Protein backbone atom coordinates (compact mmCIF):
# COMPACT_ATOMS: atom_id res chain seq x y z
CA MET A 1 0.03 -0.09 -0.09
CA ALA A 2 2.91 2.31 0.23
CA ASN A 3 2.98 2.45 -3.56
CA SER A 4 0.97 5.21 -5.17
CA LEU A 5 -2.16 4.44 -7.30
CA PHE A 6 -0.11 5.10 -10.51
CA ASP A 7 2.51 2.59 -9.62
CA GLN A 8 -0.17 -0.11 -8.70
CA LEU A 9 -1.95 0.54 -11.93
CA LYS A 10 1.42 0.24 -13.87
CA LYS A 11 2.15 -3.21 -12.25
CA ALA A 12 -1.23 -4.40 -13.01
CA GLY A 13 -0.52 -3.34 -16.77
CA LEU A 14 -3.58 -1.07 -17.05
CA VAL A 15 -1.43 2.08 -17.52
CA ASP A 16 1.78 2.62 -19.50
CA GLU A 17 4.25 5.50 -19.04
CA LYS A 18 3.03 7.59 -22.18
CA LYS A 19 -0.63 7.51 -21.04
CA ALA A 20 0.28 8.51 -17.51
CA LYS A 21 2.41 11.54 -18.79
CA LYS A 22 -0.42 12.53 -21.06
CA ALA A 23 -2.94 12.36 -18.31
CA LYS A 24 -0.73 14.36 -16.03
CA LYS A 25 -0.18 16.96 -18.71
CA ASP A 26 -4.00 17.23 -19.41
CA LYS A 27 -4.62 17.57 -15.67
CA TYR A 28 -2.04 20.32 -15.37
CA GLN A 29 -3.58 22.22 -18.40
CA GLN A 30 -7.05 21.88 -16.99
CA SER A 31 -6.07 23.25 -13.64
CA LYS A 32 -4.42 26.01 -15.44
CA GLN A 33 -7.65 26.75 -17.44
CA ASN A 34 -9.60 26.74 -14.22
CA LYS A 35 -7.37 29.22 -12.63
CA SER A 36 -7.62 31.70 -15.58
CA LYS A 37 -11.44 31.27 -15.55
CA LYS A 38 -11.48 32.09 -11.88
CA LYS A 39 -9.41 35.23 -12.65
CA SER A 40 -11.75 36.29 -15.41
CA ALA A 41 -14.70 35.59 -13.07
CA SER A 42 -12.97 37.82 -10.46
CA ASN A 43 -12.49 40.41 -13.03
CA THR A 44 -16.18 40.57 -13.71
CA ASP A 45 -16.63 40.58 -9.92
CA ASP A 46 -14.23 43.60 -9.99
CA GLY A 47 -16.37 45.15 -12.63
CA THR A 48 -19.45 44.88 -10.51
CA LYS A 49 -17.63 46.09 -7.51
CA THR A 50 -16.46 49.23 -9.28
CA ALA A 51 -20.06 49.74 -10.58
CA ALA A 52 -21.36 49.40 -7.02
CA GLN A 53 -18.75 51.81 -5.81
CA GLN A 54 -19.70 54.28 -8.57
CA ALA A 55 -23.35 54.02 -7.65
CA GLN A 56 -22.40 54.60 -4.08
CA GLN A 57 -20.34 57.67 -4.95
CA GLN A 58 -23.13 59.00 -7.02
CA LYS A 59 -25.65 58.44 -4.12
CA ALA A 60 -23.19 60.19 -1.64
CA GLU A 61 -22.98 63.15 -4.05
CA ARG A 62 -26.74 63.33 -4.46
CA ASP A 63 -27.15 63.19 -0.76
CA ARG A 64 -24.48 65.92 -0.21
CA GLN A 65 -26.30 68.15 -2.66
CA LEU A 66 -29.71 67.58 -1.01
CA ASN A 67 -28.14 68.37 2.40
CA GLN A 68 -26.63 71.53 0.95
CA GLN A 69 -30.11 72.64 -0.39
CA ARG A 70 -31.66 71.89 2.96
CA GLN A 71 -29.10 73.99 4.70
CA GLN A 72 -29.55 76.92 2.27
CA GLN A 73 -33.35 76.75 2.87
CA GLN A 74 -32.82 76.70 6.54
CA ALA A 75 -30.48 79.64 6.33
CA GLU A 76 -33.03 81.52 4.23
CA LYS A 77 -35.79 80.70 6.75
CA ALA A 78 -33.59 81.96 9.69
CA ASN A 79 -32.81 85.08 7.85
CA LYS A 80 -36.49 85.79 7.14
CA ALA A 81 -37.25 85.15 10.80
CA ALA A 82 -34.54 87.58 11.84
CA LEU A 83 -35.78 90.23 9.43
CA ARG A 84 -39.36 89.73 10.75
CA GLN A 85 -38.20 90.00 14.31
CA LEU A 86 -36.16 93.15 13.49
CA ILE A 87 -39.08 94.86 11.88
CA GLU A 88 -41.45 93.77 14.73
CA THR A 89 -39.20 95.17 17.45
CA ASN A 90 -38.26 98.41 15.66
CA LYS A 91 -41.56 99.40 13.91
CA LEU A 92 -42.96 102.78 14.94
CA SER A 93 -46.33 103.13 16.46
CA GLU A 94 -48.79 106.09 17.06
CA TYR A 95 -48.13 107.68 13.68
CA ASP A 96 -51.69 107.79 12.58
CA GLY A 97 -53.00 111.23 11.48
CA GLU A 98 -54.84 113.10 8.83
CA LEU A 99 -52.07 113.79 6.40
CA SER A 100 -51.54 111.20 3.62
CA PHE A 101 -48.07 110.10 2.53
CA ASN A 102 -47.96 108.62 -0.82
CA PHE A 103 -45.38 106.11 -2.01
CA VAL A 104 -44.82 103.76 -4.88
CA ASP A 105 -44.82 99.98 -4.31
CA ALA A 106 -44.74 97.51 -7.27
CA ASN A 107 -45.68 100.38 -9.84
CA LYS A 108 -48.78 101.19 -7.56
CA VAL A 109 -49.23 104.26 -5.49
CA LYS A 110 -49.96 103.46 -2.01
CA THR A 111 -51.04 105.79 0.86
CA LEU A 112 -50.38 105.91 4.55
CA HIS A 113 -52.22 108.41 6.86
CA VAL A 114 -49.68 110.00 9.19
CA ASN A 115 -49.36 112.89 11.60
CA PRO A 116 -47.52 116.06 10.49
CA ASP A 117 -44.29 115.25 12.40
CA THR A 118 -44.04 111.68 10.96
CA HIS A 119 -44.89 113.12 7.44
CA GLN A 120 -41.90 115.51 7.73
CA GLN A 121 -39.59 112.70 8.86
CA LEU A 122 -40.74 110.49 5.99
CA ALA A 123 -40.19 113.31 3.54
CA ASP A 124 -36.70 113.96 5.00
CA GLY A 125 -35.77 110.30 4.83
CA ARG A 126 -35.29 109.86 8.65
CA ILE A 127 -38.09 107.31 8.66
CA ARG A 128 -38.50 104.43 6.01
CA VAL A 129 -41.41 102.35 4.89
CA ALA A 130 -40.99 98.66 4.90
CA ARG A 131 -43.25 95.82 3.73
CA PHE A 132 -44.36 93.80 6.70
CA ALA A 133 -47.04 91.05 7.21
CA GLY A 134 -49.03 91.88 4.16
CA GLY A 135 -49.00 95.60 4.95
CA TYR A 136 -46.44 98.23 5.75
CA ALA A 137 -44.48 99.37 8.82
CA LEU A 138 -42.56 102.56 9.55
CA LEU A 139 -38.99 102.17 10.78
CA SER A 140 -36.28 104.45 12.00
CA LYS A 141 -33.35 105.21 9.71
CA LEU A 142 -31.04 103.19 11.95
CA ALA A 143 -33.33 100.04 11.90
CA ALA A 144 -33.73 100.52 8.11
CA GLU A 145 -30.06 100.41 7.56
CA LYS A 146 -29.73 97.14 9.47
CA ILE A 147 -32.55 95.64 7.40
CA GLN A 148 -30.97 96.86 4.28
CA GLN A 149 -27.90 95.11 5.14
CA ARG A 150 -29.73 91.74 5.26
CA ASP A 151 -32.38 92.28 2.49
CA GLU A 152 -32.98 95.45 0.58
CA SER A 153 -36.17 94.22 -1.07
CA VAL A 154 -38.12 94.57 2.11
CA LEU A 155 -37.74 98.37 2.09
CA ILE A 156 -39.73 100.72 -0.15
CA PRO A 157 -37.06 102.81 -2.14
CA LEU A 158 -36.88 106.34 -1.33
CA ALA A 159 -38.22 108.90 -3.88
CA ALA A 160 -35.31 109.80 -6.08
CA GLU A 161 -34.73 112.76 -8.14
CA ASP A 162 -35.82 112.76 -11.82
CA PRO A 163 -32.63 111.98 -13.86
CA SER A 164 -34.22 113.30 -16.93
CA LEU A 165 -33.98 116.75 -15.66
CA SER A 166 -30.88 118.70 -16.35
CA LYS A 167 -28.92 120.35 -13.49
CA ASP A 168 -30.05 123.70 -14.68
CA ASP A 169 -33.77 122.68 -14.60
CA GLN A 170 -33.27 121.18 -11.02
CA ASP A 171 -31.85 124.35 -9.85
CA HIS A 172 -34.62 126.49 -11.48
CA TYR A 173 -37.48 124.34 -10.03
CA ALA A 174 -35.76 124.27 -6.62
CA GLN A 175 -36.67 127.91 -6.05
CA PHE A 176 -40.30 127.05 -6.07
CA GLU A 177 -41.87 125.53 -2.95
CA VAL A 178 -44.31 122.68 -3.47
CA PRO A 179 -47.27 123.07 -1.16
CA ASP A 180 -48.00 120.14 1.23
CA ASP A 181 -51.65 120.39 1.07
CA LEU A 182 -52.21 119.22 -2.42
CA THR A 183 -54.70 116.49 -2.73
CA TRP A 184 -54.63 113.86 -5.52
């Protein structure tokens, strides 16, 4: 029994030397082909691995973009809340009166009824009008500057001089006083 199977078959005359070498060579080539098949199979596994990694990277990128959008939305929401609070705490009260102050908002003329002192401050630019809660609020110049730094679109623009008039025309019309009691 110490002899190998090959030796035993050779003694029995079932196998000769040439057939044994050929069988050994075939077995070696077959094992070599199996190894190459395993490598090619592992290459396809590598292909699926890289596809999975790419899909994971794409998902991570998409998640990062969504997270960035959420952060922007939260920052905008916080900014709006801060503006709302700033206007709420700094809005003027007790300005109601009989004088009407006209201003333009979205190409429409709007009117606020104010007292004479408030009307003069509005005309001088010491008080500004801001859009607030579906209406308007009056703010001091200091509060308006803080709001302007955060979001200028909240404030109603001040009346500007007409750029179509020349400097000479502006100087000429400056000598005439416009009465405050005109009604429209």
